[in-house]
């Protein structure tokens, strides 16, 4: 088991909980969000446990996650545009204490988001 033994995303990364991955490499994976907020809503998740963006100090990993988000958007054919969101902490809307990026698309995104 990976670092965050009670962490849902660590269990998925470790294979203890099965998930259909739409992207995977040595540092990250991506899955469909179970409560999509757009026609395309994919989560890009580092395999290494990092609690949130506030706890992230690995610049290379953060850059890699953004690159993975771009790859996911390309694979999902979001050429008309998409949004990448990182919820951080309770007031930021983070519900799983493991850093993850939301890639949302397939419709026009409005501002402000909420």
PDB file of N, CA and C in Angstrom:
ATOM      1  N   UNK A   1       0.852  -1.187   0.000  1.00  0.00           N
ATOM      2  CA  UNK A   1       0.000   0.000   0.000  1.00  0.00           C
ATOM      3  C   UNK A   1       0.890   1.240   0.000  1.00  0.00           C
ATOM      4  N   UNK A   2       0.453   2.251  -0.684  1.00  0.00           N
ATOM      5  CA  UNK A   2       1.194   3.506  -0.760  1.00  0.00           C
ATOM      6  C   UNK A   2       1.059   4.299   0.536  1.00  0.00           C
ATOM      7  N   UNK A   3       1.683   5.470   0.580  1.00  0.00           N
ATOM      8  CA  UNK A   3       1.765   6.301   1.778  1.00  0.00           C
ATOM      9  C   UNK A   3       0.441   6.532   2.488  1.00  0.00           C
ATOM     10  N   UNK A   4      -0.569   7.025   1.787  1.00  0.00           N
ATOM     11  CA  UNK A   4      -1.840   7.368   2.402  1.00  0.00           C
ATOM     12  C   UNK A   4      -2.729   6.144   2.513  1.00  0.00           C
ATOM     13  N   UNK A   5      -2.486   5.308   3.507  1.00  0.00           N
ATOM     14  CA  UNK A   5      -3.139   4.002   3.585  1.00  0.00           C
ATOM     15  C   UNK A   5      -4.659   4.091   3.601  1.00  0.00           C
ATOM     16  N   UNK A   6      -5.229   5.160   4.125  1.00  0.00           N
ATOM     17  CA  UNK A   6      -6.672   5.318   4.136  1.00  0.00           C
ATOM     18  C   UNK A   6      -7.159   6.201   2.993  1.00  0.00           C
ATOM     19  N   UNK A   7      -6.268   6.573   2.115  1.00  0.00           N
ATOM     20  CA  UNK A   7      -6.580   7.509   1.041  1.00  0.00           C
ATOM     21  C   UNK A   7      -7.188   6.779  -0.159  1.00  0.00           C
ATOM     22  N   UNK A   8      -8.354   7.227  -0.566  1.00  0.00           N
ATOM     23  CA  UNK A   8      -9.046   6.630  -1.710  1.00  0.00           C
ATOM     24  C   UNK A   8      -8.166   6.622  -2.953  1.00  0.00           C
ATOM     25  N   UNK A   9      -7.532   7.753  -3.268  1.00  0.00           N
ATOM     26  CA  UNK A   9      -6.734   7.829  -4.493  1.00  0.00           C
ATOM     27  C   UNK A   9      -5.476   6.981  -4.397  1.00  0.00           C
ATOM     28  N   UNK A  10      -4.893   6.845  -3.211  1.00  0.00           N
ATOM     29  CA  UNK A  10      -3.744   5.957  -3.047  1.00  0.00           C
ATOM     30  C   UNK A  10      -4.155   4.504  -3.270  1.00  0.00           C
ATOM     31  N   UNK A  11      -5.335   4.143  -2.814  1.00  0.00           N
ATOM     32  CA  UNK A  11      -5.823   2.775  -3.016  1.00  0.00           C
ATOM     33  C   UNK A  11      -6.067   2.501  -4.498  1.00  0.00           C
ATOM     34  N   UNK A  12      -6.562   3.489  -5.225  1.00  0.00           N
ATOM     35  CA  UNK A  12      -6.743   3.328  -6.673  1.00  0.00           C
ATOM     36  C   UNK A  12      -5.374   3.209  -7.347  1.00  0.00           C
ATOM     37  N   UNK A  13      -4.431   4.078  -6.974  1.00  0.00           N
ATOM     38  CA  UNK A  13      -3.086   4.035  -7.554  1.00  0.00           C
ATOM     39  C   UNK A  13      -2.422   2.690  -7.307  1.00  0.00           C
ATOM     40  N   UNK A  14      -2.648   2.130  -6.134  1.00  0.00           N
ATOM     41  CA  UNK A  14      -2.035   0.862  -5.736  1.00  0.00           C
ATOM     42  C   UNK A  14      -2.749  -0.351  -6.335  1.00  0.00           C
ATOM     43  N   UNK A  15      -3.942  -0.147  -6.892  1.00  0.00           N
ATOM     44  CA  UNK A  15      -4.701  -1.256  -7.456  1.00  0.00           C
ATOM     45  C   UNK A  15      -5.623  -1.937  -6.465  1.00  0.00           C
ATOM     46  N   UNK A  16      -5.665  -1.461  -5.221  1.00  0.00           N
ATOM     47  CA  UNK A  16      -6.544  -2.061  -4.213  1.00  0.00           C
ATOM     48  C   UNK A  16      -8.010  -1.778  -4.522  1.00  0.00           C
ATOM     49  N   UNK A  17      -8.279  -0.661  -5.166  1.00  0.00           N
ATOM     50  CA  UNK A  17      -9.619  -0.327  -5.642  1.00  0.00           C
ATOM     51  C   UNK A  17      -9.531  -0.214  -7.159  1.00  0.00           C
ATOM     52  N   UNK A  18     -10.299  -1.027  -7.873  1.00  0.00           N
ATOM     53  CA  UNK A  18     -10.218  -0.971  -9.338  1.00  0.00           C
ATOM     54  C   UNK A  18     -10.834   0.316  -9.886  1.00  0.00           C
ATOM     55  N   UNK A  19     -10.248   0.812 -10.957  1.00  0.00           N
ATOM     56  CA  UNK A  19     -10.774   1.998 -11.628  1.00  0.00           C
ATOM     57  C   UNK A  19     -10.369   1.941 -13.089  1.00  0.00           C
ATOM     58  N   UNK A  20     -11.229   2.453 -13.940  1.00  0.00           N
ATOM     59  CA  UNK A  20     -10.907   2.545 -15.359  1.00  0.00           C
ATOM     60  C   UNK A  20     -10.105   3.828 -15.569  1.00  0.00           C
ATOM     61  N   UNK A  21      -8.841   3.671 -15.849  1.00  0.00           N
ATOM     62  CA  UNK A  21      -7.960   4.822 -16.026  1.00  0.00           C
ATOM     63  C   UNK A  21      -8.000   5.271 -17.488  1.00  0.00           C
ATOM     64  N   UNK A  22      -8.142   6.567 -17.693  1.00  0.00           N
ATOM     65  CA  UNK A  22      -8.149   7.119 -19.046  1.00  0.00           C
ATOM     66  C   UNK A  22      -6.765   7.635 -19.423  1.00  0.00           C
ATOM     67  N   UNK A  23      -5.854   7.663 -18.455  1.00  0.00           N
ATOM     68  CA  UNK A  23      -4.467   8.082 -18.665  1.00  0.00           C
ATOM     69  C   UNK A  23      -3.652   7.488 -17.529  1.00  0.00           C
ATOM     70  N   UNK A  24      -2.418   7.097 -17.858  1.00  0.00           N
ATOM     71  CA  UNK A  24      -1.508   6.657 -16.800  1.00  0.00           C
ATOM     72  C   UNK A  24      -0.084   6.715 -17.322  1.00  0.00           C
ATOM     73  N   UNK A  25       0.814   7.178 -16.460  1.00  0.00           N
ATOM     74  CA  UNK A  25       2.244   7.092 -16.708  1.00  0.00           C
ATOM     75  C   UNK A  25       2.910   6.791 -15.373  1.00  0.00           C
ATOM     76  N   UNK A  26       4.216   6.953 -15.289  1.00  0.00           N
ATOM     77  CA  UNK A  26       4.920   6.559 -14.068  1.00  0.00           C
ATOM     78  C   UNK A  26       4.633   7.461 -12.878  1.00  0.00           C
ATOM     79  N   UNK A  27       4.119   8.677 -13.101  1.00  0.00           N
ATOM     80  CA  UNK A  27       3.910   9.630 -12.009  1.00  0.00           C
ATOM     81  C   UNK A  27       2.444   9.951 -11.696  1.00  0.00           C
ATOM     82  N   UNK A  28       1.554   9.671 -12.620  1.00  0.00           N
ATOM     83  CA  UNK A  28       0.157  10.098 -12.450  1.00  0.00           C
ATOM     84  C   UNK A  28      -0.785   9.175 -13.204  1.00  0.00           C
ATOM     85  N   UNK A  29      -2.050   9.309 -12.866  1.00  0.00           N
ATOM     86  CA  UNK A  29      -3.100   8.613 -13.611  1.00  0.00           C
ATOM     87  C   UNK A  29      -4.319   9.518 -13.640  1.00  0.00           C
ATOM     88  N   UNK A  30      -5.271   9.169 -14.497  1.00  0.00           N
ATOM     89  CA  UNK A  30      -6.490   9.967 -14.610  1.00  0.00           C
ATOM     90  C   UNK A  30      -7.688   9.035 -14.713  1.00  0.00           C
ATOM     91  N   UNK A  31      -8.769   9.454 -14.034  1.00  0.00           N
ATOM     92  CA  UNK A  31     -10.016   8.690 -14.032  1.00  0.00           C
ATOM     93  C   UNK A  31     -11.184   9.653 -14.234  1.00  0.00           C
ATOM     94  N   UNK A  32     -12.306   9.116 -14.678  1.00  0.00           N
ATOM     95  CA  UNK A  32     -13.525   9.910 -14.788  1.00  0.00           C
ATOM     96  C   UNK A  32     -14.012  10.254 -13.379  1.00  0.00           C
ATOM     97  N   UNK A  33     -14.486  11.485 -13.194  1.00  0.00           N
ATOM     98  CA  UNK A  33     -15.064  11.875 -11.910  1.00  0.00           C
ATOM     99  C   UNK A  33     -16.404  11.154 -11.743  1.00  0.00           C
ATOM    100  N   UNK A  34     -16.677  10.655 -10.543  1.00  0.00           N
ATOM    101  CA  UNK A  34     -17.934   9.922 -10.323  1.00  0.00           C
ATOM    102  C   UNK A  34     -19.138  10.849 -10.204  1.00  0.00           C
ATOM    103  N   UNK A  35     -18.891  12.149 -10.011  1.00  0.00           N
ATOM    104  CA  UNK A  35     -19.958  13.159  -9.992  1.00  0.00           C
ATOM    105  C   UNK A  35     -19.600  14.272 -10.978  1.00  0.00           C
ATOM    106  N   UNK A  36     -19.699  13.970 -12.280  1.00  0.00           N
ATOM    107  CA  UNK A  36     -19.233  14.947 -13.273  1.00  0.00           C
ATOM    108  C   UNK A  36     -20.011  16.257 -13.229  1.00  0.00           C
ATOM    109  N   UNK A  37     -19.271  17.348 -13.397  1.00  0.00           N
ATOM    110  CA  UNK A  37     -19.842  18.693 -13.421  1.00  0.00           C
ATOM    111  C   UNK A  37     -19.842  19.276 -14.828  1.00  0.00           C
ATOM    112  N   UNK A  38     -19.443  18.469 -15.809  1.00  0.00           N
ATOM    113  CA  UNK A  38     -19.420  18.859 -17.216  1.00  0.00           C
ATOM    114  C   UNK A  38     -19.490  17.563 -18.028  1.00  0.00           C
ATOM    115  N   UNK A  39     -19.783  17.663 -19.324  1.00  0.00           N
ATOM    116  CA  UNK A  39     -19.809  16.442 -20.139  1.00  0.00           C
ATOM    117  C   UNK A  39     -18.505  15.641 -20.061  1.00  0.00           C
ATOM    118  N   UNK A  40     -17.375  16.327 -19.962  1.00  0.00           N
ATOM    119  CA  UNK A  40     -16.091  15.678 -19.701  1.00  0.00           C
ATOM    120  C   UNK A  40     -15.600  16.195 -18.358  1.00  0.00           C
ATOM    121  N   UNK A  41     -15.340  15.280 -17.432  1.00  0.00           N
ATOM    122  CA  UNK A  41     -14.825  15.647 -16.106  1.00  0.00           C
ATOM    123  C   UNK A  41     -13.893  14.529 -15.663  1.00  0.00           C
ATOM    124  N   UNK A  42     -12.610  14.784 -15.832  1.00  0.00           N
ATOM    125  CA  UNK A  42     -11.578  13.793 -15.536  1.00  0.00           C
ATOM    126  C   UNK A  42     -10.700  14.321 -14.416  1.00  0.00           C
ATOM    127  N   UNK A  43     -10.302  13.444 -13.507  1.00  0.00           N
ATOM    128  CA  UNK A  43      -9.393  13.791 -12.418  1.00  0.00           C
ATOM    129  C   UNK A  43      -7.993  13.305 -12.759  1.00  0.00           C
ATOM    130  N   UNK A  44      -7.017  14.190 -12.680  1.00  0.00           N
ATOM    131  CA  UNK A  44      -5.613  13.836 -12.870  1.00  0.00           C
ATOM    132  C   UNK A  44      -4.984  13.785 -11.478  1.00  0.00           C
ATOM    133  N   UNK A  45      -4.406  12.634 -11.137  1.00  0.00           N
ATOM    134  CA  UNK A  45      -4.010  12.354  -9.757  1.00  0.00           C
ATOM    135  C   UNK A  45      -2.559  11.868  -9.720  1.00  0.00           C
ATOM    136  N   UNK A  46      -1.726  12.473  -8.866  1.00  0.00           N
ATOM    137  CA  UNK A  46      -0.365  11.946  -8.732  1.00  0.00           C
ATOM    138  C   UNK A  46      -0.392  10.599  -8.004  1.00  0.00           C
ATOM    139  N   UNK A  47       0.485   9.699  -8.404  1.00  0.00           N
ATOM    140  CA  UNK A  47       0.579   8.415  -7.721  1.00  0.00           C
ATOM    141  C   UNK A  47       1.171   8.574  -6.323  1.00  0.00           C
ATOM    142  N   UNK A  48       2.049   9.540  -6.172  1.00  0.00           N
ATOM    143  CA  UNK A  48       2.633   9.842  -4.863  1.00  0.00           C
ATOM    144  C   UNK A  48       1.601  10.600  -4.046  1.00  0.00           C
ATOM    145  N   UNK A  49       1.447  10.242  -2.782  1.00  0.00           N
ATOM    146  CA  UNK A  49       0.476  10.933  -1.947  1.00  0.00           C
ATOM    147  C   UNK A  49       0.973  12.333  -1.603  1.00  0.00           C
ATOM    148  N   UNK A  50       0.183  13.316  -1.990  1.00  0.00           N
ATOM    149  CA  UNK A  50       0.388  14.716  -1.627  1.00  0.00           C
ATOM    150  C   UNK A  50      -0.980  15.199  -1.172  1.00  0.00           C
ATOM    151  N   UNK A  51      -1.076  15.718   0.033  1.00  0.00           N
ATOM    152  CA  UNK A  51      -2.374  16.053   0.612  1.00  0.00           C
ATOM    153  C   UNK A  51      -3.168  17.098  -0.155  1.00  0.00           C
ATOM    154  N   UNK A  52      -2.483  18.130  -0.657  1.00  0.00           N
ATOM    155  CA  UNK A  52      -3.174  19.206  -1.365  1.00  0.00           C
ATOM    156  C   UNK A  52      -2.130  20.050  -2.084  1.00  0.00           C
ATOM    157  N   UNK A  53      -2.583  21.009  -2.852  1.00  0.00           N
ATOM    158  CA  UNK A  53      -1.650  21.931  -3.493  1.00  0.00           C
ATOM    159  C   UNK A  53      -0.850  22.687  -2.441  1.00  0.00           C
ATOM    160  N   UNK A  54      -1.480  23.010  -1.312  1.00  0.00           N
ATOM    161  CA  UNK A  54      -0.784  23.725  -0.241  1.00  0.00           C
ATOM    162  C   UNK A  54       0.377  22.908   0.328  1.00  0.00           C
ATOM    163  N   UNK A  55       0.302  21.591   0.242  1.00  0.00           N
ATOM    164  CA  UNK A  55       1.351  20.719   0.766  1.00  0.00           C
ATOM    165  C   UNK A  55       2.359  20.305  -0.300  1.00  0.00           C
ATOM    166  N   UNK A  56       2.130  20.693  -1.541  1.00  0.00           N
ATOM    167  CA  UNK A  56       2.988  20.267  -2.650  1.00  0.00           C
ATOM    168  C   UNK A  56       4.247  21.111  -2.713  1.00  0.00           C
ATOM    169  N   UNK A  57       5.396  20.439  -2.758  1.00  0.00           N
ATOM    170  CA  UNK A  57       6.650  21.171  -2.888  1.00  0.00           C
ATOM    171  C   UNK A  57       7.533  20.635  -4.006  1.00  0.00           C
ATOM    172  N   UNK A  58       7.043  19.684  -4.751  1.00  0.00           N
ATOM    173  CA  UNK A  58       7.792  19.078  -5.851  1.00  0.00           C
ATOM    174  C   UNK A  58       7.410  19.784  -7.152  1.00  0.00           C
ATOM    175  N   UNK A  59       8.246  20.749  -7.556  1.00  0.00           N
ATOM    176  CA  UNK A  59       7.950  21.544  -8.751  1.00  0.00           C
ATOM    177  C   UNK A  59       7.840  20.680  -9.994  1.00  0.00           C
ATOM    178  N   UNK A  60       8.687  19.667 -10.099  1.00  0.00           N
ATOM    179  CA  UNK A  60       8.648  18.796 -11.272  1.00  0.00           C
ATOM    180  C   UNK A  60       7.324  18.031 -11.331  1.00  0.00           C
ATOM    181  N   UNK A  61       6.859  17.542 -10.191  1.00  0.00           N
ATOM    182  CA  UNK A  61       5.587  16.822 -10.165  1.00  0.00           C
ATOM    183  C   UNK A  61       4.430  17.747 -10.535  1.00  0.00           C
ATOM    184  N   UNK A  62       4.439  18.961 -10.002  1.00  0.00           N
ATOM    185  CA  UNK A  62       3.363  19.908 -10.325  1.00  0.00           C
ATOM    186  C   UNK A  62       3.337  20.210 -11.820  1.00  0.00           C
ATOM    187  N   UNK A  63       4.486  20.419 -12.405  1.00  0.00           N
ATOM    188  CA  UNK A  63       4.552  20.637 -13.847  1.00  0.00           C
ATOM    189  C   UNK A  63       4.084  19.421 -14.618  1.00  0.00           C
ATOM    190  N   UNK A  64       4.464  18.249 -14.142  1.00  0.00           N
ATOM    191  CA  UNK A  64       4.055  17.011 -14.795  1.00  0.00           C
ATOM    192  C   UNK A  64       2.531  16.850 -14.765  1.00  0.00           C
ATOM    193  N   UNK A  65       1.912  17.206 -13.650  1.00  0.00           N
ATOM    194  CA  UNK A  65       0.451  17.095 -13.547  1.00  0.00           C
ATOM    195  C   UNK A  65      -0.243  18.013 -14.545  1.00  0.00           C
ATOM    196  N   UNK A  66       0.284  19.217 -14.730  1.00  0.00           N
ATOM    197  CA  UNK A  66      -0.298  20.111 -15.733  1.00  0.00           C
ATOM    198  C   UNK A  66      -0.119  19.547 -17.135  1.00  0.00           C
ATOM    199  N   UNK A  67       1.037  18.975 -17.397  1.00  0.00           N
ATOM    200  CA  UNK A  67       1.273  18.347 -18.699  1.00  0.00           C
ATOM    201  C   UNK A  67       0.312  17.171 -18.901  1.00  0.00           C
ATOM    202  N   UNK A  68       0.109  16.387 -17.852  1.00  0.00           N
ATOM    203  CA  UNK A  68      -0.835  15.268 -17.939  1.00  0.00           C
ATOM    204  C   UNK A  68      -2.250  15.775 -18.192  1.00  0.00           C
ATOM    205  N   UNK A  69      -2.632  16.884 -17.545  1.00  0.00           N
ATOM    206  CA  UNK A  69      -3.962  17.464 -17.770  1.00  0.00           C
ATOM    207  C   UNK A  69      -4.129  17.874 -19.228  1.00  0.00           C
ATOM    208  N   UNK A  70      -3.092  18.462 -19.817  1.00  0.00           N
ATOM    209  CA  UNK A  70      -3.141  18.828 -21.230  1.00  0.00           C
ATOM    210  C   UNK A  70      -3.283  17.583 -22.103  1.00  0.00           C
ATOM    211  N   UNK A  71      -2.563  16.528 -21.769  1.00  0.00           N
ATOM    212  CA  UNK A  71      -2.662  15.274 -22.524  1.00  0.00           C
ATOM    213  C   UNK A  71      -4.059  14.681 -22.434  1.00  0.00           C
ATOM    214  N   UNK A  72      -4.650  14.723 -21.241  1.00  0.00           N
ATOM    215  CA  UNK A  72      -6.019  14.233 -21.052  1.00  0.00           C
ATOM    216  C   UNK A  72      -6.991  15.050 -21.894  1.00  0.00           C
ATOM    217  N   UNK A  73      -6.852  16.372 -21.867  1.00  0.00           N
ATOM    218  CA  UNK A  73      -7.737  17.237 -22.656  1.00  0.00           C
ATOM    219  C   UNK A  73      -7.619  16.918 -24.141  1.00  0.00           C
ATOM    220  N   UNK A  74      -6.409  16.685 -24.599  1.00  0.00           N
ATOM    221  CA  UNK A  74      -6.196  16.326 -26.000  1.00  0.00           C
ATOM    222  C   UNK A  74      -6.857  14.986 -26.312  1.00  0.00           C
ATOM    223  N   UNK A  75      -6.644  14.002 -25.454  1.00  0.00           N
ATOM    224  CA  UNK A  75      -7.231  12.663 -25.645  1.00  0.00           C
ATOM    225  C   UNK A  75      -8.761  12.718 -25.628  1.00  0.00           C
ATOM    226  N   UNK A  76      -9.309  13.598 -24.798  1.00  0.00           N
ATOM    227  CA  UNK A  76     -10.767  13.731 -24.685  1.00  0.00           C
ATOM    228  C   UNK A  76     -11.349  14.646 -25.770  1.00  0.00           C
ATOM    229  N   UNK A  77     -10.483  15.132 -26.662  1.00  0.00           N
ATOM    230  CA  UNK A  77     -10.889  15.963 -27.803  1.00  0.00           C
ATOM    231  C   UNK A  77     -11.551  17.270 -27.366  1.00  0.00           C
ATOM    232  N   UNK A  78     -10.888  17.949 -26.440  1.00  0.00           N
ATOM    233  CA  UNK A  78     -11.397  19.210 -25.913  1.00  0.00           C
ATOM    234  C   UNK A  78     -10.731  20.408 -26.598  1.00  0.00           C
ATOM    235  N   UNK A  79     -10.583  20.322 -27.907  1.00  0.00           N
ATOM    236  CA  UNK A  79      -9.911  21.359 -28.678  1.00  0.00           C
ATOM    237  C   UNK A  79     -10.588  22.713 -28.634  1.00  0.00           C
ATOM    238  N   UNK A  80     -11.891  22.767 -28.309  1.00  0.00           N
ATOM    239  CA  UNK A  80     -12.599  24.050 -28.206  1.00  0.00           C
ATOM    240  C   UNK A  80     -12.358  24.738 -26.880  1.00  0.00           C
ATOM    241  N   UNK A  81     -11.659  24.088 -25.982  1.00  0.00           N
ATOM    242  CA  UNK A  81     -11.343  24.685 -24.692  1.00  0.00           C
ATOM    243  C   UNK A  81     -11.751  23.800 -23.529  1.00  0.00           C
ATOM    244  N   UNK A  82     -11.133  24.059 -22.415  1.00  0.00           N
ATOM    245  CA  UNK A  82     -11.391  23.289 -21.199  1.00  0.00           C
ATOM    246  C   UNK A  82     -10.902  24.098 -20.011  1.00  0.00           C
ATOM    247  N   UNK A  83     -11.245  23.623 -18.839  1.00  0.00           N
ATOM    248  CA  UNK A  83     -10.828  24.269 -17.601  1.00  0.00           C
ATOM    249  C   UNK A  83     -10.096  23.240 -16.746  1.00  0.00           C
ATOM    250  N   UNK A  84      -9.023  23.686 -16.091  1.00  0.00           N
ATOM    251  CA  UNK A  84      -8.301  22.852 -15.131  1.00  0.00           C
ATOM    252  C   UNK A  84      -8.456  23.521 -13.776  1.00  0.00           C
ATOM    253  N   UNK A  85      -8.946  22.755 -12.792  1.00  0.00           N
ATOM    254  CA  UNK A  85      -9.230  23.287 -11.468  1.00  0.00           C
ATOM    255  C   UNK A  85      -8.523  22.437 -10.421  1.00  0.00           C
ATOM    256  N   UNK A  86      -7.952  23.115  -9.423  1.00  0.00           N
ATOM    257  CA  UNK A  86      -7.389  22.419  -8.264  1.00  0.00           C
ATOM    258  C   UNK A  86      -8.072  23.001  -7.024  1.00  0.00           C
ATOM    259  N   UNK A  87      -8.936  22.226  -6.404  1.00  0.00           N
ATOM    260  CA  UNK A  87      -9.570  22.638  -5.150  1.00  0.00           C
ATOM    261  C   UNK A  87      -8.585  22.353  -4.021  1.00  0.00           C
ATOM    262  N   UNK A  88      -8.395  23.337  -3.129  1.00  0.00           N
ATOM    263  CA  UNK A  88      -7.418  23.194  -2.056  1.00  0.00           C
ATOM    264  C   UNK A  88      -8.054  23.545  -0.718  1.00  0.00           C
ATOM    265  N   UNK A  89      -8.079  22.574   0.180  1.00  0.00           N
ATOM    266  CA  UNK A  89      -8.615  22.788   1.517  1.00  0.00           C
ATOM    267  C   UNK A  89     -10.134  22.809   1.545  1.00  0.00           C
ATOM    268  N   UNK A  90     -10.701  22.759   2.743  1.00  0.00           N
ATOM    269  CA  UNK A  90     -12.160  22.710   2.899  1.00  0.00           C
ATOM    270  C   UNK A  90     -12.884  23.899   2.255  1.00  0.00           C
ATOM    271  N   UNK A  91     -12.381  25.111   2.457  1.00  0.00           N
ATOM    272  CA  UNK A  91     -13.039  26.276   1.866  1.00  0.00           C
ATOM    273  C   UNK A  91     -12.849  26.343   0.363  1.00  0.00           C
ATOM    274  N   UNK A  92     -11.855  25.650  -0.157  1.00  0.00           N
ATOM    275  CA  UNK A  92     -11.624  25.595  -1.600  1.00  0.00           C
ATOM    276  C   UNK A  92     -12.409  24.492  -2.280  1.00  0.00           C
ATOM    277  N   UNK A  93     -13.151  23.699  -1.500  1.00  0.00           N
ATOM    278  CA  UNK A  93     -13.982  22.646  -2.072  1.00  0.00           C
ATOM    279  C   UNK A  93     -13.293  21.300  -2.197  1.00  0.00           C
ATOM    280  N   UNK A  94     -12.114  21.120  -1.598  1.00  0.00           N
ATOM    281  CA  UNK A  94     -11.420  19.832  -1.689  1.00  0.00           C
ATOM    282  C   UNK A  94     -12.141  18.810  -0.819  1.00  0.00           C
ATOM    283  N   UNK A  95     -12.530  17.680  -1.421  1.00  0.00           N
ATOM    284  CA  UNK A  95     -13.257  16.647  -0.689  1.00  0.00           C
ATOM    285  C   UNK A  95     -12.443  15.377  -0.466  1.00  0.00           C
ATOM    286  N   UNK A  96     -11.361  15.195  -1.210  1.00  0.00           N
ATOM    287  CA  UNK A  96     -10.450  14.067  -0.996  1.00  0.00           C
ATOM    288  C   UNK A  96      -9.082  14.665  -0.691  1.00  0.00           C
ATOM    289  N   UNK A  97      -8.507  14.272   0.438  1.00  0.00           N
ATOM    290  CA  UNK A  97      -7.231  14.844   0.868  1.00  0.00           C
ATOM    291  C   UNK A  97      -6.059  14.192   0.137  1.00  0.00           C
ATOM    292  N   UNK A  98      -6.060  14.363  -1.167  1.00  0.00           N
ATOM    293  CA  UNK A  98      -4.978  13.913  -2.046  1.00  0.00           C
ATOM    294  C   UNK A  98      -5.049  14.858  -3.237  1.00  0.00           C
ATOM    295  N   UNK A  99      -3.965  15.553  -3.509  1.00  0.00           N
ATOM    296  CA  UNK A  99      -3.925  16.504  -4.620  1.00  0.00           C
ATOM    297  C   UNK A  99      -4.489  15.881  -5.892  1.00  0.00           C
ATOM    298  N   UNK A 100      -5.348  16.609  -6.586  1.00  0.00           N
ATOM    299  CA  UNK A 100      -5.859  16.163  -7.882  1.00  0.00           C
ATOM    300  C   UNK A 100      -6.332  17.364  -8.681  1.00  0.00           C
ATOM    301  N   UNK A 101      -6.231  17.247  -9.988  1.00  0.00           N
ATOM    302  CA  UNK A 101      -6.649  18.297 -10.909  1.00  0.00           C
ATOM    303  C   UNK A 101      -7.918  17.846 -11.606  1.00  0.00           C
ATOM    304  N   UNK A 102      -8.878  18.738 -11.708  1.00  0.00           N
ATOM    305  CA  UNK A 102     -10.100  18.479 -12.454  1.00  0.00           C
ATOM    306  C   UNK A 102      -9.917  19.037 -13.861  1.00  0.00           C
ATOM    307  N   UNK A 103     -10.134  18.225 -14.861  1.00  0.00           N
ATOM    308  CA  UNK A 103     -10.150  18.682 -16.251  1.00  0.00           C
ATOM    309  C   UNK A 103     -11.608  18.635 -16.684  1.00  0.00           C
ATOM    310  N   UNK A 104     -12.173  19.818 -16.952  1.00  0.00           N
ATOM    311  CA  UNK A 104     -13.592  19.943 -17.293  1.00  0.00           C
ATOM    312  C   UNK A 104     -13.734  20.508 -18.698  1.00  0.00           C
ATOM    313  N   UNK A 105     -14.643  19.944 -19.467  1.00  0.00           N
ATOM    314  CA  UNK A 105     -14.868  20.448 -20.816  1.00  0.00           C
ATOM    315  C   UNK A 105     -16.092  19.825 -21.442  1.00  0.00           C
ATOM    316  N   UNK A 106     -16.248  20.079 -22.726  1.00  0.00           N
ATOM    317  CA  UNK A 106     -17.391  19.547 -23.460  1.00  0.00           C
ATOM    318  C   UNK A 106     -18.574  20.500 -23.481  1.00  0.00           C
ATOM    319  N   UNK A 107     -18.426  21.667 -22.875  1.00  0.00           N
ATOM    320  CA  UNK A 107     -19.435  22.716 -22.894  1.00  0.00           C
ATOM    321  C   UNK A 107     -18.730  24.035 -22.593  1.00  0.00           C
ATOM    322  N   UNK A 108     -19.420  25.127 -22.824  1.00  0.00           N
ATOM    323  CA  UNK A 108     -18.851  26.441 -22.495  1.00  0.00           C
ATOM    324  C   UNK A 108     -18.727  26.573 -20.982  1.00  0.00           C
ATOM    325  N   UNK A 109     -17.576  27.030 -20.524  1.00  0.00           N
ATOM    326  CA  UNK A 109     -17.340  27.281 -19.112  1.00  0.00           C
ATOM    327  C   UNK A 109     -17.667  28.752 -18.843  1.00  0.00           C
ATOM    328  N   UNK A 110     -18.376  29.015 -17.775  1.00  0.00           N
ATOM    329  CA  UNK A 110     -18.775  30.375 -17.430  1.00  0.00           C
ATOM    330  C   UNK A 110     -17.929  30.914 -16.297  1.00  0.00           C
ATOM    331  N   UNK A 111     -17.924  32.224 -16.147  1.00  0.00           N
ATOM    332  CA  UNK A 111     -17.166  32.871 -15.092  1.00  0.00           C
ATOM    333  C   UNK A 111     -18.044  33.903 -14.427  1.00  0.00           C
ATOM    334  N   UNK A 112     -18.076  34.021 -13.144  1.00  0.00           N
ATOM    335  CA  UNK A 112     -17.271  33.262 -12.184  1.00  0.00           C
ATOM    336  C   UNK A 112     -17.818  31.857 -12.023  1.00  0.00           C
ATOM    337  N   UNK A 113     -16.928  30.920 -11.626  1.00  0.00           N
ATOM    338  CA  UNK A 113     -17.335  29.526 -11.546  1.00  0.00           C
ATOM    339  C   UNK A 113     -18.235  29.197 -10.371  1.00  0.00           C
ATOM    340  N   UNK A 114     -18.231  29.958  -9.288  1.00  0.00           N
ATOM    341  CA  UNK A 114     -19.138  29.642  -8.184  1.00  0.00           C
ATOM    342  C   UNK A 114     -18.596  29.876  -6.878  1.00  0.00           C
TER     343      UNK A 114
END
